[in-house]
Every structure is written in C-alpha cells, then in structure tokens.
Amino acid sequence: MIQWIKSIVGHVMPNVISQGAKEADDDKGFLIDVAEGAYLAEKAGEKGALLLGMIQKGGSEMAKLQMVYNVRKKVKKQISPAYENVPDIVDEITERVVEAALADPHYKKLFG
C-alpha cells in the first residue's frame, strides 16, 4: 500500500525524497557583476540629483498651488449662498485674490 502511494506521489513530484525533503536542483548560486553595480549606483546618484533639482524648482509652484487652494476654500466659505454654486465667480475671485497675495505681503500672510 505504501509503495503504491509512493509511486503515485513519485510521478506527480519526481524530486521528492522519502523523508519529505526536496533534492537541490542546481546549487550553482549566482554571480554579481561589480562593474554593473557601480554603473547603476552612479546612474542612481545622477537621477537623484536631477529629482532633487526638480523638487527645489517646483517648490514655488507648490506653494502657489497651496495658496490657491487656501484662497478658494476661504472664498467658498465666505461667499453668498446665491453665488456658491457658480464656479466661474468663485474662480474669478480666487484668481484676483491670489494675484493680490503674490504682489502684497499683507495679503500673502492672510491667505498663505
């Protein structure tokens, strides 16, 4: 009976040893190309420097977008309910307040 089960299991999983351990297929390992690793590290450093440059250049744009968001939120909160659902009026007021905030530090402090 046990031989019959081993014969079935042996056809399904041919690398099985009777104790339940598997035979090692090819234990050659793998080689690491040191020159390629150095090249990839150099490229990663270059791409990281480019990414940091993009973040620093885009910082002012992010600050402006944050200001637009804050102004729009305050305008929607303070606008009359009659004009609340008219997005053109909210956009126009937001644009004018943002322009004023970019030009005048007093408004920038209020809406920044």
N, C-alpha and C. Protein backbone atom coordinates (compact mmCIF):
# COMPACT_ATOMS: atom_id res chain seq x y z
N MET A 1 0.82 -1.19 0.00
CA MET A 1 0.00 0.00 0.00
C MET A 1 0.87 1.27 0.00
N ILE A 2 1.93 1.30 0.83
CA ILE A 2 2.81 2.46 0.90
C ILE A 2 3.56 2.62 -0.42
N GLN A 3 3.97 1.53 -1.02
CA GLN A 3 4.66 1.59 -2.31
C GLN A 3 3.75 2.16 -3.39
N TRP A 4 2.48 1.83 -3.30
CA TRP A 4 1.52 2.33 -4.28
C TRP A 4 1.37 3.85 -4.14
N ILE A 5 1.32 4.38 -2.91
CA ILE A 5 1.23 5.82 -2.66
C ILE A 5 2.51 6.51 -3.12
N LYS A 6 3.68 5.89 -2.83
CA LYS A 6 4.95 6.46 -3.26
C LYS A 6 5.04 6.50 -4.79
N SER A 7 4.49 5.50 -5.44
CA SER A 7 4.54 5.50 -6.91
C SER A 7 3.67 6.62 -7.48
N ILE A 8 2.54 6.91 -6.86
CA ILE A 8 1.67 7.99 -7.33
C ILE A 8 2.33 9.33 -7.06
N VAL A 9 2.84 9.52 -5.84
CA VAL A 9 3.48 10.77 -5.47
C VAL A 9 4.76 10.95 -6.27
N GLY A 10 5.46 9.89 -6.55
CA GLY A 10 6.70 9.95 -7.32
C GLY A 10 6.47 10.43 -8.74
N HIS A 11 5.31 10.10 -9.33
CA HIS A 11 5.01 10.58 -10.69
C HIS A 11 4.60 12.05 -10.69
N VAL A 12 3.94 12.48 -9.63
CA VAL A 12 3.49 13.86 -9.55
C VAL A 12 4.66 14.78 -9.21
N MET A 13 5.46 14.39 -8.20
CA MET A 13 6.60 15.19 -7.75
C MET A 13 7.86 14.31 -7.80
N PRO A 14 8.57 14.32 -8.91
CA PRO A 14 9.69 13.39 -9.06
C PRO A 14 10.91 13.72 -8.19
N ASN A 15 11.05 14.93 -7.67
CA ASN A 15 12.23 15.29 -6.89
C ASN A 15 12.05 15.07 -5.40
N VAL A 16 11.01 14.37 -4.99
CA VAL A 16 10.73 14.18 -3.57
C VAL A 16 11.53 12.99 -3.05
N ILE A 17 12.17 13.17 -1.91
CA ILE A 17 12.87 12.09 -1.23
C ILE A 17 11.91 11.53 -0.19
N SER A 18 12.13 10.32 0.24
CA SER A 18 11.17 9.66 1.12
C SER A 18 11.00 10.34 2.47
N GLN A 19 11.96 11.12 2.97
CA GLN A 19 11.80 11.82 4.24
C GLN A 19 11.03 13.13 4.10
N GLY A 20 10.69 13.55 2.93
CA GLY A 20 9.93 14.76 2.73
C GLY A 20 10.78 15.94 2.32
N ALA A 21 12.06 15.80 2.26
CA ALA A 21 12.93 16.89 1.81
C ALA A 21 13.03 16.85 0.30
N LYS A 22 13.28 18.00 -0.31
CA LYS A 22 13.43 18.06 -1.76
C LYS A 22 14.90 18.04 -2.13
N GLU A 23 15.19 17.45 -3.24
CA GLU A 23 16.55 17.47 -3.75
C GLU A 23 16.88 18.86 -4.27
N ALA A 24 18.11 19.27 -4.13
CA ALA A 24 18.54 20.55 -4.68
C ALA A 24 18.69 20.40 -6.18
N ASP A 25 18.08 21.30 -6.95
CA ASP A 25 18.13 21.21 -8.41
C ASP A 25 19.54 21.52 -8.90
N ASP A 26 19.91 22.74 -8.88
CA ASP A 26 21.25 23.18 -9.27
C ASP A 26 21.69 24.21 -8.26
N ASP A 27 22.63 23.88 -7.44
CA ASP A 27 23.07 24.80 -6.39
C ASP A 27 24.33 25.52 -6.83
N LYS A 28 24.26 26.17 -7.98
CA LYS A 28 25.42 26.89 -8.50
C LYS A 28 25.51 28.30 -7.91
N GLY A 29 24.41 28.87 -7.45
CA GLY A 29 24.41 30.23 -6.97
C GLY A 29 24.34 31.20 -8.14
N PHE A 30 24.64 32.46 -7.89
CA PHE A 30 24.64 33.44 -8.96
C PHE A 30 25.77 34.42 -8.74
N LEU A 31 26.22 35.00 -9.79
CA LEU A 31 27.32 35.95 -9.74
C LEU A 31 26.80 37.37 -9.84
N ILE A 32 27.46 38.29 -9.17
CA ILE A 32 27.10 39.70 -9.22
C ILE A 32 28.18 40.42 -10.01
N ASP A 33 27.76 41.18 -10.99
CA ASP A 33 28.69 41.96 -11.80
C ASP A 33 28.98 43.26 -11.06
N VAL A 34 30.18 43.38 -10.53
CA VAL A 34 30.55 44.54 -9.71
C VAL A 34 30.58 45.82 -10.55
N ALA A 35 31.06 45.72 -11.77
CA ALA A 35 31.12 46.90 -12.63
C ALA A 35 29.72 47.42 -12.95
N GLU A 36 28.81 46.51 -13.18
CA GLU A 36 27.43 46.93 -13.47
C GLU A 36 26.80 47.57 -12.23
N GLY A 37 27.10 47.03 -11.06
CA GLY A 37 26.58 47.61 -9.82
C GLY A 37 27.09 49.03 -9.60
N ALA A 38 28.37 49.27 -9.90
CA ALA A 38 28.93 50.61 -9.76
C ALA A 38 28.29 51.57 -10.76
N TYR A 39 28.07 51.07 -11.98
CA TYR A 39 27.42 51.89 -13.02
C TYR A 39 26.01 52.26 -12.59
N LEU A 40 25.27 51.28 -12.06
CA LEU A 40 23.90 51.55 -11.63
C LEU A 40 23.87 52.50 -10.45
N ALA A 41 24.82 52.39 -9.53
CA ALA A 41 24.88 53.32 -8.41
C ALA A 41 25.17 54.74 -8.88
N GLU A 42 26.05 54.87 -9.86
CA GLU A 42 26.37 56.19 -10.42
C GLU A 42 25.14 56.80 -11.10
N LYS A 43 24.45 56.00 -11.89
CA LYS A 43 23.23 56.48 -12.56
C LYS A 43 22.16 56.86 -11.54
N ALA A 44 22.02 56.08 -10.47
CA ALA A 44 21.03 56.39 -9.45
C ALA A 44 21.36 57.72 -8.77
N GLY A 45 22.65 57.97 -8.54
CA GLY A 45 23.06 59.25 -7.96
C GLY A 45 22.72 60.42 -8.86
N GLU A 46 22.96 60.26 -10.18
CA GLU A 46 22.64 61.32 -11.13
C GLU A 46 21.14 61.59 -11.16
N LYS A 47 20.35 60.51 -11.22
CA LYS A 47 18.89 60.68 -11.28
C LYS A 47 18.37 61.29 -9.98
N GLY A 48 18.97 60.92 -8.85
CA GLY A 48 18.58 61.51 -7.57
C GLY A 48 18.85 63.00 -7.53
N ALA A 49 20.02 63.41 -8.07
CA ALA A 49 20.35 64.84 -8.11
C ALA A 49 19.37 65.60 -9.00
N LEU A 50 19.01 65.00 -10.14
CA LEU A 50 18.03 65.64 -11.02
C LEU A 50 16.67 65.77 -10.34
N LEU A 51 16.28 64.73 -9.61
CA LEU A 51 14.99 64.76 -8.92
C LEU A 51 14.97 65.83 -7.83
N LEU A 52 16.07 65.94 -7.08
CA LEU A 52 16.12 66.99 -6.06
C LEU A 52 16.08 68.38 -6.69
N GLY A 53 16.73 68.55 -7.84
CA GLY A 53 16.66 69.83 -8.54
C GLY A 53 15.25 70.17 -8.97
N MET A 54 14.53 69.16 -9.48
CA MET A 54 13.14 69.38 -9.89
C MET A 54 12.27 69.74 -8.71
N ILE A 55 12.51 69.11 -7.57
CA ILE A 55 11.71 69.40 -6.38
C ILE A 55 11.98 70.83 -5.91
N GLN A 56 13.26 71.24 -5.93
CA GLN A 56 13.59 72.59 -5.48
C GLN A 56 13.01 73.64 -6.42
N LYS A 57 13.05 73.39 -7.72
CA LYS A 57 12.48 74.35 -8.68
C LYS A 57 10.97 74.40 -8.57
N GLY A 58 10.35 73.26 -8.31
CA GLY A 58 8.90 73.20 -8.24
C GLY A 58 8.34 73.60 -6.90
N GLY A 59 9.21 73.92 -5.95
CA GLY A 59 8.73 74.30 -4.62
C GLY A 59 7.89 75.55 -4.63
N SER A 60 8.28 76.53 -5.45
CA SER A 60 7.50 77.76 -5.51
C SER A 60 6.13 77.51 -6.15
N GLU A 61 6.10 76.61 -7.13
CA GLU A 61 4.81 76.27 -7.74
C GLU A 61 3.91 75.55 -6.74
N MET A 62 4.50 74.70 -5.93
CA MET A 62 3.69 74.00 -4.93
C MET A 62 3.15 74.99 -3.89
N ALA A 63 3.97 75.97 -3.53
CA ALA A 63 3.50 76.99 -2.58
C ALA A 63 2.35 77.79 -3.18
N LYS A 64 2.47 78.09 -4.48
CA LYS A 64 1.40 78.84 -5.14
C LYS A 64 0.12 78.01 -5.21
N LEU A 65 0.26 76.72 -5.52
CA LEU A 65 -0.92 75.85 -5.58
C LEU A 65 -1.57 75.73 -4.20
N GLN A 66 -0.75 75.66 -3.16
CA GLN A 66 -1.30 75.60 -1.81
C GLN A 66 -2.04 76.89 -1.48
N MET A 67 -1.50 78.03 -1.92
CA MET A 67 -2.16 79.31 -1.68
C MET A 67 -3.49 79.37 -2.43
N VAL A 68 -3.50 78.92 -3.67
CA VAL A 68 -4.74 78.91 -4.46
C VAL A 68 -5.79 78.04 -3.75
N TYR A 69 -5.36 76.90 -3.25
CA TYR A 69 -6.29 76.02 -2.55
C TYR A 69 -6.85 76.70 -1.31
N ASN A 70 -5.98 77.34 -0.51
CA ASN A 70 -6.44 78.02 0.70
C ASN A 70 -7.38 79.17 0.38
N VAL A 71 -7.04 79.95 -0.64
CA VAL A 71 -7.89 81.09 -1.02
C VAL A 71 -9.25 80.59 -1.50
N ARG A 72 -9.24 79.57 -2.33
CA ARG A 72 -10.51 79.04 -2.86
C ARG A 72 -11.39 78.53 -1.74
N LYS A 73 -10.78 77.85 -0.77
CA LYS A 73 -11.55 77.34 0.37
C LYS A 73 -12.17 78.49 1.17
N LYS A 74 -11.38 79.55 1.39
CA LYS A 74 -11.89 80.69 2.16
C LYS A 74 -12.96 81.46 1.38
N VAL A 75 -12.78 81.58 0.07
CA VAL A 75 -13.77 82.27 -0.76
C VAL A 75 -15.09 81.51 -0.74
N LYS A 76 -15.03 80.19 -0.90
CA LYS A 76 -16.26 79.40 -0.89
C LYS A 76 -16.96 79.47 0.46
N LYS A 77 -16.16 79.61 1.51
CA LYS A 77 -16.75 79.69 2.85
C LYS A 77 -17.44 81.03 3.07
N GLN A 78 -16.89 82.11 2.50
CA GLN A 78 -17.39 83.46 2.77
C GLN A 78 -18.38 83.97 1.72
N ILE A 79 -18.48 83.32 0.59
CA ILE A 79 -19.33 83.84 -0.50
C ILE A 79 -20.81 83.62 -0.16
N SER A 80 -21.63 84.46 -0.74
CA SER A 80 -23.07 84.37 -0.53
C SER A 80 -23.60 83.04 -1.07
N PRO A 81 -24.59 82.46 -0.40
CA PRO A 81 -25.15 81.19 -0.88
C PRO A 81 -25.71 81.27 -2.30
N ALA A 82 -26.09 82.46 -2.74
CA ALA A 82 -26.62 82.60 -4.10
C ALA A 82 -25.52 82.33 -5.15
N TYR A 83 -24.27 82.68 -4.82
CA TYR A 83 -23.17 82.51 -5.78
C TYR A 83 -22.33 81.26 -5.49
N GLU A 84 -22.69 80.52 -4.49
CA GLU A 84 -21.89 79.38 -4.07
C GLU A 84 -21.77 78.30 -5.16
N ASN A 85 -22.83 78.10 -5.92
CA ASN A 85 -22.84 77.05 -6.94
C ASN A 85 -22.43 77.55 -8.32
N VAL A 86 -21.93 78.77 -8.41
CA VAL A 86 -21.48 79.32 -9.69
C VAL A 86 -19.94 79.28 -9.68
N PRO A 87 -19.34 78.27 -10.32
CA PRO A 87 -17.88 78.12 -10.22
C PRO A 87 -17.09 79.23 -10.90
N ASP A 88 -17.69 79.90 -11.90
CA ASP A 88 -16.97 80.98 -12.59
C ASP A 88 -16.69 82.15 -11.66
N ILE A 89 -17.66 82.49 -10.84
CA ILE A 89 -17.47 83.61 -9.91
C ILE A 89 -16.44 83.25 -8.85
N VAL A 90 -16.51 82.03 -8.34
CA VAL A 90 -15.54 81.59 -7.32
C VAL A 90 -14.14 81.59 -7.92
N ASP A 91 -14.00 81.11 -9.16
CA ASP A 91 -12.69 81.10 -9.81
C ASP A 91 -12.14 82.50 -10.03
N GLU A 92 -13.00 83.41 -10.46
CA GLU A 92 -12.57 84.78 -10.72
C GLU A 92 -12.11 85.47 -9.43
N ILE A 93 -12.88 85.31 -8.36
CA ILE A 93 -12.49 85.91 -7.08
C ILE A 93 -11.19 85.29 -6.59
N THR A 94 -11.06 83.99 -6.73
CA THR A 94 -9.85 83.30 -6.29
C THR A 94 -8.63 83.81 -7.04
N GLU A 95 -8.75 83.94 -8.38
CA GLU A 95 -7.62 84.43 -9.19
C GLU A 95 -7.19 85.83 -8.77
N ARG A 96 -8.15 86.70 -8.55
CA ARG A 96 -7.81 88.08 -8.17
C ARG A 96 -7.17 88.16 -6.79
N VAL A 97 -7.67 87.38 -5.85
CA VAL A 97 -7.09 87.39 -4.51
C VAL A 97 -5.67 86.79 -4.54
N VAL A 98 -5.46 85.74 -5.34
CA VAL A 98 -4.12 85.14 -5.45
C VAL A 98 -3.15 86.13 -6.07
N GLU A 99 -3.57 86.84 -7.11
CA GLU A 99 -2.71 87.85 -7.72
C GLU A 99 -2.34 88.92 -6.71
N ALA A 100 -3.32 89.34 -5.91
CA ALA A 100 -3.04 90.36 -4.89
C ALA A 100 -2.11 89.81 -3.81
N ALA A 101 -2.30 88.55 -3.44
CA ALA A 101 -1.46 87.94 -2.41
C ALA A 101 -0.02 87.77 -2.89
N LEU A 102 0.16 87.50 -4.18
CA LEU A 102 1.51 87.36 -4.72
C LEU A 102 2.23 88.71 -4.79
N ALA A 103 1.46 89.78 -4.94
CA ALA A 103 2.05 91.11 -5.06
C ALA A 103 2.23 91.79 -3.70
N ASP A 104 1.35 91.52 -2.75
CA ASP A 104 1.38 92.23 -1.47
C ASP A 104 1.62 91.24 -0.32
N PRO A 105 2.64 91.47 0.50
CA PRO A 105 2.92 90.54 1.60
C PRO A 105 1.83 90.49 2.66
N HIS A 106 1.06 91.57 2.81
CA HIS A 106 -0.04 91.57 3.78
C HIS A 106 -1.09 90.52 3.38
N TYR A 107 -1.49 90.51 2.13
CA TYR A 107 -2.46 89.50 1.66
C TYR A 107 -1.85 88.11 1.66
N LYS A 108 -0.57 88.05 1.39
CA LYS A 108 0.10 86.74 1.40
C LYS A 108 0.06 86.14 2.80
N LYS A 109 0.23 86.98 3.81
CA LYS A 109 0.17 86.48 5.19
C LYS A 109 -1.25 86.05 5.54
N LEU A 110 -2.26 86.76 5.02
CA LEU A 110 -3.64 86.42 5.31
C LEU A 110 -4.05 85.10 4.67
N PHE A 111 -3.62 84.87 3.42
CA PHE A 111 -4.09 83.72 2.67
C PHE A 111 -3.04 82.62 2.52
N GLY A 112 -1.82 82.84 2.96
CA GLY A 112 -0.74 81.86 2.80
C GLY A 112 -0.87 80.74 3.72
